[in-house]
Amino acid sequence: MGEQREAFLEQFKTKLDEWNAEIDKFQAKANTAHEETLVSYNKQIEALKNKRDELKAKMADLHQKGDSAWEDMREGLGTAWKTLGDSIESAKSRFQ
């Protein structure tokens, strides 16, 4: 079980790095937007960062609790992972 958990954590870290890069791109685009658009962009970016931070906190909790918590937390983490991924994809279409 420990190997599966560690593989998931590594996969998460890689994907989180990708999502952070996307959020940075969104921020750069927002910084060049007109004032009325900037407010909307910043709200979207803030929501993405909040979802990202929630997911990071859950992952840190999983890492600290170890293998015994893996099964209990896996489903909730999967849902949070999907939510953030879907939100990033949605934001991509709005920032293009």
PDB file of N, CA and C in Angstrom:
ATOM      1  N   MET A   1       0.836  -1.200   0.000  1.00  0.00           N
ATOM      2  CA  MET A   1       0.000   0.000   0.000  1.00  0.00           C
ATOM      3  C   MET A   1       0.867   1.245   0.000  1.00  0.00           C
ATOM      4  N   GLY A   2       1.980   1.222   0.700  1.00  0.00           N
ATOM      5  CA  GLY A   2       2.841   2.388   0.773  1.00  0.00           C
ATOM      6  C   GLY A   2       3.353   2.811  -0.587  1.00  0.00           C
ATOM      7  N   GLU A   3       3.679   1.837  -1.433  1.00  0.00           N
ATOM      8  CA  GLU A   3       4.170   2.173  -2.775  1.00  0.00           C
ATOM      9  C   GLU A   3       3.093   2.866  -3.594  1.00  0.00           C
ATOM     10  N   GLN A   4       1.865   2.388  -3.483  1.00  0.00           N
ATOM     11  CA  GLN A   4       0.759   2.997  -4.223  1.00  0.00           C
ATOM     12  C   GLN A   4       0.537   4.433  -3.744  1.00  0.00           C
ATOM     13  N   ARG A   5       0.606   4.618  -2.444  1.00  0.00           N
ATOM     14  CA  ARG A   5       0.415   5.960  -1.893  1.00  0.00           C
ATOM     15  C   ARG A   5       1.524   6.887  -2.350  1.00  0.00           C
ATOM     16  N   GLU A   6       2.766   6.420  -2.298  1.00  0.00           N
ATOM     17  CA  GLU A   6       3.897   7.243  -2.725  1.00  0.00           C
ATOM     18  C   GLU A   6       3.827   7.563  -4.219  1.00  0.00           C
ATOM     19  N   ALA A   7       3.393   6.603  -5.030  1.00  0.00           N
ATOM     20  CA  ALA A   7       3.240   6.852  -6.467  1.00  0.00           C
ATOM     21  C   ALA A   7       2.181   7.919  -6.706  1.00  0.00           C
ATOM     22  N   PHE A   8       1.087   7.844  -5.957  1.00  0.00           N
ATOM     23  CA  PHE A   8       0.027   8.839  -6.083  1.00  0.00           C
ATOM     24  C   PHE A   8       0.545  10.218  -5.686  1.00  0.00           C
ATOM     25  N   LEU A   9       1.292  10.285  -4.588  1.00  0.00           N
ATOM     26  CA  LEU A   9       1.827  11.564  -4.139  1.00  0.00           C
ATOM     27  C   LEU A   9       2.786  12.156  -5.172  1.00  0.00           C
ATOM     28  N   GLU A  10       3.584  11.322  -5.793  1.00  0.00           N
ATOM     29  CA  GLU A  10       4.515  11.809  -6.819  1.00  0.00           C
ATOM     30  C   GLU A  10       3.743  12.295  -8.051  1.00  0.00           C
ATOM     31  N   GLN A  11       2.736  11.538  -8.455  1.00  0.00           N
ATOM     32  CA  GLN A  11       1.896  11.942  -9.580  1.00  0.00           C
ATOM     33  C   GLN A  11       1.207  13.270  -9.261  1.00  0.00           C
ATOM     34  N   PHE A  12       0.724  13.396  -8.047  1.00  0.00           N
ATOM     35  CA  PHE A  12       0.080  14.625  -7.618  1.00  0.00           C
ATOM     36  C   PHE A  12       1.030  15.809  -7.709  1.00  0.00           C
ATOM     37  N   LYS A  13       2.249  15.638  -7.225  1.00  0.00           N
ATOM     38  CA  LYS A  13       3.219  16.719  -7.247  1.00  0.00           C
ATOM     39  C   LYS A  13       3.511  17.177  -8.670  1.00  0.00           C
ATOM     40  N   THR A  14       3.667  16.231  -9.570  1.00  0.00           N
ATOM     41  CA  THR A  14       3.917  16.559 -10.973  1.00  0.00           C
ATOM     42  C   THR A  14       2.740  17.338 -11.561  1.00  0.00           C
ATOM     43  N   LYS A  15       1.538  16.860 -11.317  1.00  0.00           N
ATOM     44  CA  LYS A  15       0.348  17.524 -11.856  1.00  0.00           C
ATOM     45  C   LYS A  15       0.157  18.888 -11.205  1.00  0.00           C
ATOM     46  N   LEU A  16       0.417  18.983  -9.936  1.00  0.00           N
ATOM     47  CA  LEU A  16       0.281  20.258  -9.249  1.00  0.00           C
ATOM     48  C   LEU A  16       1.249  21.289  -9.830  1.00  0.00           C
ATOM     49  N   ASP A  17       2.452  20.858 -10.150  1.00  0.00           N
ATOM     50  CA  ASP A  17       3.415  21.757 -10.790  1.00  0.00           C
ATOM     51  C   ASP A  17       2.872  22.272 -12.128  1.00  0.00           C
ATOM     52  N   GLU A  18       2.242  21.383 -12.899  1.00  0.00           N
ATOM     53  CA  GLU A  18       1.630  21.788 -14.172  1.00  0.00           C
ATOM     54  C   GLU A  18       0.517  22.805 -13.931  1.00  0.00           C
ATOM     55  N   TRP A  19      -0.330  22.529 -12.942  1.00  0.00           N
ATOM     56  CA  TRP A  19      -1.446  23.437 -12.647  1.00  0.00           C
ATOM     57  C   TRP A  19      -0.944  24.776 -12.141  1.00  0.00           C
ATOM     58  N   ASN A  20       0.105  24.772 -11.353  1.00  0.00           N
ATOM     59  CA  ASN A  20       0.680  26.035 -10.893  1.00  0.00           C
ATOM     60  C   ASN A  20       1.189  26.863 -12.068  1.00  0.00           C
ATOM     61  N   ALA A  21       1.800  26.207 -13.039  1.00  0.00           N
ATOM     62  CA  ALA A  21       2.267  26.911 -14.238  1.00  0.00           C
ATOM     63  C   ALA A  21       1.086  27.503 -15.003  1.00  0.00           C
ATOM     64  N   GLU A  22      -0.007  26.773 -15.080  1.00  0.00           N
ATOM     65  CA  GLU A  22      -1.204  27.287 -15.756  1.00  0.00           C
ATOM     66  C   GLU A  22      -1.746  28.510 -15.020  1.00  0.00           C
ATOM     67  N   ILE A  23      -1.822  28.430 -13.706  1.00  0.00           N
ATOM     68  CA  ILE A  23      -2.311  29.559 -12.917  1.00  0.00           C
ATOM     69  C   ILE A  23      -1.407  30.775 -13.133  1.00  0.00           C
ATOM     70  N   ASP A  24      -0.102  30.556 -13.193  1.00  0.00           N
ATOM     71  CA  ASP A  24       0.833  31.655 -13.465  1.00  0.00           C
ATOM     72  C   ASP A  24       0.565  32.284 -14.832  1.00  0.00           C
ATOM     73  N   LYS A  25       0.256  31.448 -15.831  1.00  0.00           N
ATOM     74  CA  LYS A  25      -0.084  31.967 -17.164  1.00  0.00           C
ATOM     75  C   LYS A  25      -1.358  32.811 -17.101  1.00  0.00           C
ATOM     76  N   PHE A  26      -2.341  32.320 -16.355  1.00  0.00           N
ATOM     77  CA  PHE A  26      -3.592  33.070 -16.214  1.00  0.00           C
ATOM     78  C   PHE A  26      -3.325  34.419 -15.560  1.00  0.00           C
ATOM     79  N   GLN A  27      -2.471  34.420 -14.539  1.00  0.00           N
ATOM     80  CA  GLN A  27      -2.145  35.663 -13.845  1.00  0.00           C
ATOM     81  C   GLN A  27      -1.461  36.640 -14.792  1.00  0.00           C
ATOM     82  N   ALA A  28      -0.538  36.149 -15.608  1.00  0.00           N
ATOM     83  CA  ALA A  28       0.145  37.014 -16.571  1.00  0.00           C
ATOM     84  C   ALA A  28      -0.852  37.604 -17.562  1.00  0.00           C
ATOM     85  N   LYS A  29      -1.794  36.791 -18.007  1.00  0.00           N
ATOM     86  CA  LYS A  29      -2.815  37.277 -18.941  1.00  0.00           C
ATOM     87  C   LYS A  29      -3.702  38.312 -18.249  1.00  0.00           C
ATOM     88  N   ALA A  30      -4.056  38.052 -17.025  1.00  0.00           N
ATOM     89  CA  ALA A  30      -4.906  38.987 -16.279  1.00  0.00           C
ATOM     90  C   ALA A  30      -4.212  40.327 -16.096  1.00  0.00           C
ATOM     91  N   ASN A  31      -2.913  40.302 -15.901  1.00  0.00           N
ATOM     92  CA  ASN A  31      -2.167  41.538 -15.694  1.00  0.00           C
ATOM     93  C   ASN A  31      -2.157  42.446 -16.920  1.00  0.00           C
ATOM     94  N   THR A  32      -2.490  41.900 -18.075  1.00  0.00           N
ATOM     95  CA  THR A  32      -2.536  42.709 -19.294  1.00  0.00           C
ATOM     96  C   THR A  32      -3.969  43.040 -19.714  1.00  0.00           C
ATOM     97  N   ALA A  33      -4.944  42.611 -18.916  1.00  0.00           N
ATOM     98  CA  ALA A  33      -6.353  42.799 -19.263  1.00  0.00           C
ATOM     99  C   ALA A  33      -6.824  44.203 -18.916  1.00  0.00           C
ATOM    100  N   HIS A  34      -7.930  44.579 -19.545  1.00  0.00           N
ATOM    101  CA  HIS A  34      -8.579  45.848 -19.206  1.00  0.00           C
ATOM    102  C   HIS A  34      -9.147  45.754 -17.797  1.00  0.00           C
ATOM    103  N   GLU A  35      -9.350  46.885 -17.183  1.00  0.00           N
ATOM    104  CA  GLU A  35      -9.739  46.932 -15.775  1.00  0.00           C
ATOM    105  C   GLU A  35     -10.983  46.105 -15.467  1.00  0.00           C
ATOM    106  N   GLU A  36     -12.028  46.209 -16.286  1.00  0.00           N
ATOM    107  CA  GLU A  36     -13.258  45.467 -15.989  1.00  0.00           C
ATOM    108  C   GLU A  36     -13.062  43.959 -16.156  1.00  0.00           C
ATOM    109  N   THR A  37     -12.204  43.566 -17.067  1.00  0.00           N
ATOM    110  CA  THR A  37     -11.897  42.154 -17.254  1.00  0.00           C
ATOM    111  C   THR A  37     -10.971  41.661 -16.150  1.00  0.00           C
ATOM    112  N   LEU A  38     -10.105  42.517 -15.700  1.00  0.00           N
ATOM    113  CA  LEU A  38      -9.136  42.164 -14.670  1.00  0.00           C
ATOM    114  C   LEU A  38      -9.827  41.682 -13.393  1.00  0.00           C
ATOM    115  N   VAL A  39     -10.896  42.327 -13.000  1.00  0.00           N
ATOM    116  CA  VAL A  39     -11.621  41.934 -11.788  1.00  0.00           C
ATOM    117  C   VAL A  39     -12.146  40.512 -11.930  1.00  0.00           C
ATOM    118  N   SER A  40     -12.727  40.195 -13.071  1.00  0.00           N
ATOM    119  CA  SER A  40     -13.242  38.847 -13.317  1.00  0.00           C
ATOM    120  C   SER A  40     -12.115  37.822 -13.318  1.00  0.00           C
ATOM    121  N   TYR A  41     -11.034  38.130 -14.014  1.00  0.00           N
ATOM    122  CA  TYR A  41      -9.887  37.218 -14.062  1.00  0.00           C
ATOM    123  C   TYR A  41      -9.338  36.957 -12.663  1.00  0.00           C
ATOM    124  N   ASN A  42      -9.189  38.021 -11.884  1.00  0.00           N
ATOM    125  CA  ASN A  42      -8.626  37.855 -10.548  1.00  0.00           C
ATOM    126  C   ASN A  42      -9.509  36.998  -9.648  1.00  0.00           C
ATOM    127  N   LYS A  43     -10.826  37.110  -9.802  1.00  0.00           N
ATOM    128  CA  LYS A  43     -11.743  36.264  -9.035  1.00  0.00           C
ATOM    129  C   LYS A  43     -11.560  34.799  -9.420  1.00  0.00           C
ATOM    130  N   GLN A  44     -11.438  34.538 -10.710  1.00  0.00           N
ATOM    131  CA  GLN A  44     -11.243  33.170 -11.183  1.00  0.00           C
ATOM    132  C   GLN A  44      -9.905  32.607 -10.690  1.00  0.00           C
ATOM    133  N   ILE A  45      -8.880  33.414 -10.763  1.00  0.00           N
ATOM    134  CA  ILE A  45      -7.554  32.985 -10.314  1.00  0.00           C
ATOM    135  C   ILE A  45      -7.565  32.702  -8.821  1.00  0.00           C
ATOM    136  N   GLU A  46      -8.195  33.553  -8.057  1.00  0.00           N
ATOM    137  CA  GLU A  46      -8.274  33.358  -6.605  1.00  0.00           C
ATOM    138  C   GLU A  46      -9.015  32.059  -6.273  1.00  0.00           C
ATOM    139  N   ALA A  47     -10.093  31.773  -6.998  1.00  0.00           N
ATOM    140  CA  ALA A  47     -10.834  30.529  -6.776  1.00  0.00           C
ATOM    141  C   ALA A  47      -9.958  29.318  -7.084  1.00  0.00           C
ATOM    142  N   LEU A  48      -9.190  29.395  -8.165  1.00  0.00           N
ATOM    143  CA  LEU A  48      -8.286  28.293  -8.513  1.00  0.00           C
ATOM    144  C   LEU A  48      -7.223  28.097  -7.426  1.00  0.00           C
ATOM    145  N   LYS A  49      -6.672  29.188  -6.957  1.00  0.00           N
ATOM    146  CA  LYS A  49      -5.648  29.092  -5.907  1.00  0.00           C
ATOM    147  C   LYS A  49      -6.228  28.498  -4.628  1.00  0.00           C
ATOM    148  N   ASN A  50      -7.456  28.856  -4.289  1.00  0.00           N
ATOM    149  CA  ASN A  50      -8.094  28.302  -3.098  1.00  0.00           C
ATOM    150  C   ASN A  50      -8.289  26.795  -3.235  1.00  0.00           C
ATOM    151  N   LYS A  51      -8.774  26.355  -4.410  1.00  0.00           N
ATOM    152  CA  LYS A  51      -8.960  24.924  -4.647  1.00  0.00           C
ATOM    153  C   LYS A  51      -7.617  24.203  -4.597  1.00  0.00           C
ATOM    154  N   ARG A  52      -6.599  24.807  -5.179  1.00  0.00           N
ATOM    155  CA  ARG A  52      -5.258  24.226  -5.165  1.00  0.00           C
ATOM    156  C   ARG A  52      -4.752  24.086  -3.730  1.00  0.00           C
ATOM    157  N   ASP A  53      -4.924  25.120  -2.936  1.00  0.00           N
ATOM    158  CA  ASP A  53      -4.443  25.089  -1.557  1.00  0.00           C
ATOM    159  C   ASP A  53      -5.187  24.053  -0.714  1.00  0.00           C
ATOM    160  N   GLU A  54      -6.490  23.893  -0.956  1.00  0.00           N
ATOM    161  CA  GLU A  54      -7.257  22.875  -0.254  1.00  0.00           C
ATOM    162  C   GLU A  54      -6.736  21.481  -0.591  1.00  0.00           C
ATOM    163  N   LEU A  55      -6.453  21.265  -1.857  1.00  0.00           N
ATOM    164  CA  LEU A  55      -5.942  19.973  -2.288  1.00  0.00           C
ATOM    165  C   LEU A  55      -4.555  19.713  -1.702  1.00  0.00           C
ATOM    166  N   LYS A  56      -3.719  20.732  -1.689  1.00  0.00           N
ATOM    167  CA  LYS A  56      -2.383  20.584  -1.094  1.00  0.00           C
ATOM    168  C   LYS A  56      -2.483  20.235   0.387  1.00  0.00           C
ATOM    169  N   ALA A  57      -3.418  20.842   1.079  1.00  0.00           N
ATOM    170  CA  ALA A  57      -3.592  20.560   2.509  1.00  0.00           C
ATOM    171  C   ALA A  57      -4.051  19.116   2.724  1.00  0.00           C
ATOM    172  N   LYS A  58      -4.949  18.647   1.882  1.00  0.00           N
ATOM    173  CA  LYS A  58      -5.399  17.263   1.993  1.00  0.00           C
ATOM    174  C   LYS A  58      -4.252  16.294   1.719  1.00  0.00           C
ATOM    175  N   MET A  59      -3.428  16.625   0.736  1.00  0.00           N
ATOM    176  CA  MET A  59      -2.297  15.765   0.414  1.00  0.00           C
ATOM    177  C   MET A  59      -1.279  15.764   1.558  1.00  0.00           C
ATOM    178  N   ALA A  60      -1.037  16.896   2.158  1.00  0.00           N
ATOM    179  CA  ALA A  60      -0.111  16.974   3.292  1.00  0.00           C
ATOM    180  C   ALA A  60      -0.651  16.140   4.451  1.00  0.00           C
ATOM    181  N   ASP A  61      -1.954  16.199   4.664  1.00  0.00           N
ATOM    182  CA  ASP A  61      -2.580  15.417   5.715  1.00  0.00           C
ATOM    183  C   ASP A  61      -2.405  13.923   5.442  1.00  0.00           C
ATOM    184  N   LEU A  62      -2.609  13.531   4.206  1.00  0.00           N
ATOM    185  CA  LEU A  62      -2.434  12.137   3.822  1.00  0.00           C
ATOM    186  C   LEU A  62      -0.989  11.699   4.054  1.00  0.00           C
ATOM    187  N   HIS A  63      -0.063  12.535   3.675  1.00  0.00           N
ATOM    188  CA  HIS A  63       1.351  12.207   3.823  1.00  0.00           C
ATOM    189  C   HIS A  63       1.715  12.018   5.299  1.00  0.00           C
ATOM    190  N   GLN A  64       1.135  12.820   6.165  1.00  0.00           N
ATOM    191  CA  GLN A  64       1.438  12.734   7.592  1.00  0.00           C
ATOM    192  C   GLN A  64       0.768  11.526   8.253  1.00  0.00           C
ATOM    193  N   LYS A  65      -0.415  11.181   7.812  1.00  0.00           N
ATOM    194  CA  LYS A  65      -1.159  10.095   8.451  1.00  0.00           C
ATOM    195  C   LYS A  65      -0.664   8.719   8.019  1.00  0.00           C
ATOM    196  N   GLY A  66      -0.077   8.634   6.855  1.00  0.00           N
ATOM    197  CA  GLY A  66       0.482   7.368   6.428  1.00  0.00           C
ATOM    198  C   GLY A  66      -0.530   6.436   5.792  1.00  0.00           C
ATOM    199  N   ASP A  67      -0.112   5.178   5.692  1.00  0.00           N
ATOM    200  CA  ASP A  67      -0.880   4.178   4.954  1.00  0.00           C
ATOM    201  C   ASP A  67      -2.260   3.896   5.533  1.00  0.00           C
ATOM    202  N   SER A  68      -2.413   4.001   6.834  1.00  0.00           N
ATOM    203  CA  SER A  68      -3.697   3.671   7.447  1.00  0.00           C
ATOM    204  C   SER A  68      -4.820   4.591   6.971  1.00  0.00           C
ATOM    205  N   ALA A  69      -4.498   5.810   6.623  1.00  0.00           N
ATOM    206  CA  ALA A  69      -5.516   6.767   6.185  1.00  0.00           C
ATOM    207  C   ALA A  69      -5.739   6.739   4.679  1.00  0.00           C
ATOM    208  N   TRP A  70      -4.860   6.067   3.959  1.00  0.00           N
ATOM    209  CA  TRP A  70      -4.899   6.081   2.494  1.00  0.00           C
ATOM    210  C   TRP A  70      -6.268   5.712   1.947  1.00  0.00           C
ATOM    211  N   GLU A  71      -6.801   4.575   2.343  1.00  0.00           N
ATOM    212  CA  GLU A  71      -8.078   4.119   1.798  1.00  0.00           C
ATOM    213  C   GLU A  71      -9.215   5.076   2.147  1.00  0.00           C
ATOM    214  N   ASP A  72      -9.191   5.584   3.369  1.00  0.00           N
ATOM    215  CA  ASP A  72     -10.254   6.493   3.797  1.00  0.00           C
ATOM    216  C   ASP A  72     -10.232   7.811   3.032  1.00  0.00           C
ATOM    217  N   MET A  73      -9.048   8.282   2.702  1.00  0.00           N
ATOM    218  CA  MET A  73      -8.915   9.603   2.092  1.00  0.00           C
ATOM    219  C   MET A  73      -8.865   9.575   0.564  1.00  0.00           C
ATOM    220  N   ARG A  74      -8.606   8.435  -0.026  1.00  0.00           N
ATOM    221  CA  ARG A  74      -8.386   8.361  -1.469  1.00  0.00           C
ATOM    222  C   ARG A  74      -9.563   8.898  -2.281  1.00  0.00           C
ATOM    223  N   GLU A  75     -10.760   8.533  -1.926  1.00  0.00           N
ATOM    224  CA  GLU A  75     -11.923   8.979  -2.692  1.00  0.00           C
ATOM    225  C   GLU A  75     -12.086  10.499  -2.634  1.00  0.00           C
ATOM    226  N   GLY A  76     -11.960  11.067  -1.446  1.00  0.00           N
ATOM    227  CA  GLY A  76     -12.080  12.517  -1.292  1.00  0.00           C
ATOM    228  C   GLY A  76     -10.989  13.259  -2.044  1.00  0.00           C
ATOM    229  N   LEU A  77      -9.791  12.713  -2.028  1.00  0.00           N
ATOM    230  CA  LEU A  77      -8.688  13.329  -2.774  1.00  0.00           C
ATOM    231  C   LEU A  77      -8.937  13.269  -4.266  1.00  0.00           C
ATOM    232  N   GLY A  78      -9.458  12.143  -4.720  1.00  0.00           N
ATOM    233  CA  GLY A  78      -9.769  12.005  -6.143  1.00  0.00           C
ATOM    234  C   GLY A  78     -10.798  13.035  -6.586  1.00  0.00           C
ATOM    235  N   THR A  79     -11.779  13.260  -5.752  1.00  0.00           N
ATOM    236  CA  THR A  79     -12.810  14.250  -6.073  1.00  0.00           C
ATOM    237  C   THR A  79     -12.214  15.658  -6.108  1.00  0.00           C
ATOM    238  N   ALA A  80     -11.393  15.985  -5.111  1.00  0.00           N
ATOM    239  CA  ALA A  80     -10.763  17.306  -5.081  1.00  0.00           C
ATOM    240  C   ALA A  80      -9.824  17.485  -6.270  1.00  0.00           C
ATOM    241  N   TRP A  81      -9.098  16.443  -6.624  1.00  0.00           N
ATOM    242  CA  TRP A  81      -8.182  16.462  -7.769  1.00  0.00           C
ATOM    243  C   TRP A  81      -8.963  16.767  -9.048  1.00  0.00           C
ATOM    244  N   LYS A  82     -10.084  16.040  -9.244  1.00  0.00           N
ATOM    245  CA  LYS A  82     -10.901  16.238 -10.446  1.00  0.00           C
ATOM    246  C   LYS A  82     -11.493  17.643 -10.486  1.00  0.00           C
ATOM    247  N   THR A  83     -11.945  18.125  -9.352  1.00  0.00           N
ATOM    248  CA  THR A  83     -12.528  19.463  -9.297  1.00  0.00           C
ATOM    249  C   THR A  83     -11.517  20.522  -9.719  1.00  0.00           C
ATOM    250  N   LEU A  84     -10.300  20.437  -9.184  1.00  0.00           N
ATOM    251  CA  LEU A  84      -9.272  21.409  -9.559  1.00  0.00           C
ATOM    252  C   LEU A  84      -8.901  21.271 -11.026  1.00  0.00           C
ATOM    253  N   GLY A  85      -8.743  20.057 -11.506  1.00  0.00           N
ATOM    254  CA  GLY A  85      -8.410  19.841 -12.919  1.00  0.00           C
ATOM    255  C   GLY A  85      -9.485  20.392 -13.845  1.00  0.00           C
ATOM    256  N   ASP A  86     -10.735  20.132 -13.510  1.00  0.00           N
ATOM    257  CA  ASP A  86     -11.850  20.656 -14.315  1.00  0.00           C
ATOM    258  C   ASP A  86     -11.874  22.183 -14.282  1.00  0.00           C
ATOM    259  N   SER A  87     -11.588  22.753 -13.126  1.00  0.00           N
ATOM    260  CA  SER A  87     -11.577  24.211 -12.995  1.00  0.00           C
ATOM    261  C   SER A  87     -10.453  24.833 -13.827  1.00  0.00           C
ATOM    262  N   ILE A  88      -9.294  24.201 -13.834  1.00  0.00           N
ATOM    263  CA  ILE A  88      -8.181  24.683 -14.657  1.00  0.00           C
ATOM    264  C   ILE A  88      -8.555  24.640 -16.131  1.00  0.00           C
ATOM    265  N   GLU A  89      -9.140  23.537 -16.567  1.00  0.00           N
ATOM    266  CA  GLU A  89      -9.538  23.403 -17.978  1.00  0.00           C
ATOM    267  C   GLU A  89     -10.585  24.451 -18.353  1.00  0.00           C
ATOM    268  N   SER A  90     -11.522  24.672 -17.456  1.00  0.00           N
ATOM    269  CA  SER A  90     -12.543  25.696 -17.703  1.00  0.00           C
ATOM    270  C   SER A  90     -11.931  27.081 -17.804  1.00  0.00           C
ATOM    271  N   ALA A  91     -10.989  27.363 -16.925  1.00  0.00           N
ATOM    272  CA  ALA A  91     -10.325  28.661 -16.935  1.00  0.00           C
ATOM    273  C   ALA A  91      -9.513  28.855 -18.216  1.00  0.00           C
ATOM    274  N   LYS A  92      -8.929  27.793 -18.715  1.00  0.00           N
ATOM    275  CA  LYS A  92      -8.154  27.896 -19.971  1.00  0.00           C
ATOM    276  C   LYS A  92      -9.016  28.489 -21.083  1.00  0.00           C
ATOM    277  N   SER A  93     -10.244  28.016 -21.183  1.00  0.00           N
ATOM    278  CA  SER A  93     -11.120  28.498 -22.256  1.00  0.00           C
ATOM    279  C   SER A  93     -11.477  29.972 -22.051  1.00  0.00           C
ATOM    280  N   ARG A  94     -11.592  30.408 -20.821  1.00  0.00           N
ATOM    281  CA  ARG A  94     -11.922  31.804 -20.547  1.00  0.00           C
ATOM    282  C   ARG A  94     -10.747  32.741 -20.724  1.00  0.00           C
ATOM    283  N   PHE A  95      -9.545  32.235 -20.525  1.00  0.00           N
ATOM    284  CA  PHE A  95      -8.357  33.084 -20.611  1.00  0.00           C
ATOM    285  C   PHE A  95      -7.761  33.133 -22.023  1.00  0.00           C
ATOM    286  N   GLN A  96      -8.347  32.397 -22.955  1.00  0.00           N
ATOM    287  CA  GLN A  96      -7.800  32.421 -24.319  1.00  0.00           C
ATOM    288  C   GLN A  96      -8.366  33.507 -25.144  1.00  0.00           C
TER     289      GLN A  96
END
